[in-house]
Amino acid sequence: MKLGLDDYVIKSPRHYARLPVAARTCLDRSKVRARAIRSETRLAALLENIHLGVLRMSLEGELEEANRAF
């Protein structure tokens, strides 16, 4: 689970009742991840297309990322 597994169902008839819940949880998390990726993509496109320099720096003052206008 620590490496990214969403859920699991033990292969035993008494655990099969959990299958719909596990499937729904997985689908819901997948939708959330897809929305996050879409938002991130839209933000990246916006930042690349504006004519204003935008940058992100670490707390130590190191440049982490910047758009082309910067």
Protein backbone atom coordinates (compact mmCIF):
# COMPACT_ATOMS: atom_id res chain seq x y z
CA MET A 1 0.00 0.00 0.00
CA LYS A 2 2.90 2.38 0.72
CA LEU A 3 4.08 2.06 -2.89
CA GLY A 4 0.79 3.23 -4.42
CA LEU A 5 -1.66 0.37 -4.08
CA ASP A 6 -5.18 1.75 -3.59
CA ASP A 7 -6.80 -1.29 -2.00
CA TYR A 8 -6.88 -5.06 -2.10
CA VAL A 9 -9.37 -7.89 -1.61
CA ILE A 10 -8.36 -11.19 -0.05
CA LYS A 11 -9.22 -14.16 -2.27
CA SER A 12 -11.66 -15.77 0.08
CA PRO A 13 -15.45 -16.01 -0.33
CA ARG A 14 -16.07 -14.24 2.96
CA HIS A 15 -14.08 -11.22 1.73
CA TYR A 16 -15.83 -10.93 -1.66
CA ALA A 17 -18.36 -8.52 -0.15
CA ARG A 18 -15.56 -5.94 0.00
CA LEU A 19 -15.00 -6.10 -3.76
CA PRO A 20 -17.56 -3.41 -4.73
CA VAL A 21 -16.22 -1.06 -2.04
CA ALA A 22 -12.61 -1.64 -3.11
CA ALA A 23 -13.51 -1.10 -6.78
CA ARG A 24 -15.42 2.12 -6.00
CA THR A 25 -12.54 3.44 -3.89
CA CYS A 26 -10.08 2.73 -6.69
CA LEU A 27 -12.28 4.41 -9.31
CA ASP A 28 -12.85 7.46 -7.10
CA ARG A 29 -9.13 7.88 -6.44
CA SER A 30 -8.42 7.46 -10.14
CA LYS A 31 -10.87 10.28 -10.94
CA VAL A 32 -9.23 12.53 -8.34
CA ARG A 33 -5.78 11.83 -9.81
CA ALA A 34 -7.06 12.54 -13.34
CA ARG A 35 -8.57 15.87 -12.21
CA ALA A 36 -5.29 16.83 -10.53
CA ILE A 37 -3.33 16.02 -13.70
CA ARG A 38 -5.75 18.08 -15.82
CA SER A 39 -5.46 21.04 -13.43
CA GLU A 40 -1.69 20.80 -13.39
CA THR A 41 -1.58 20.66 -17.20
CA ARG A 42 -3.88 23.69 -17.52
CA LEU A 43 -1.80 25.67 -15.03
CA ALA A 44 1.44 24.80 -16.83
CA ALA A 45 -0.08 25.88 -20.18
CA LEU A 46 -1.31 29.14 -18.65
CA LEU A 47 2.07 29.93 -17.14
CA GLU A 48 3.85 29.24 -20.42
CA ASN A 49 1.49 31.43 -22.44
CA ILE A 50 1.44 34.59 -20.32
CA HIS A 51 3.89 37.38 -21.03
CA LEU A 52 4.92 37.74 -17.42
CA GLY A 53 7.86 36.02 -15.80
CA VAL A 54 6.84 33.50 -13.15
CA LEU A 55 9.24 31.47 -11.06
CA ARG A 56 9.27 29.14 -8.08
CA MET A 57 12.15 29.06 -5.64
CA SER A 58 13.01 26.82 -2.72
CA LEU A 59 13.30 28.18 0.80
CA GLU A 60 17.07 28.03 0.31
CA GLY A 61 16.79 30.45 -2.65
CA GLU A 62 17.38 27.88 -5.41
CA LEU A 63 15.40 28.29 -8.62
CA GLU A 64 13.12 25.27 -8.95
CA GLU A 65 11.18 26.22 -12.08
CA ALA A 66 10.36 29.21 -14.25
CA ASN A 67 8.37 29.94 -17.37
CA ARG A 68 9.90 31.11 -20.65
CA ALA A 69 8.97 34.76 -20.04
CA PHE A 70 11.12 34.78 -16.92
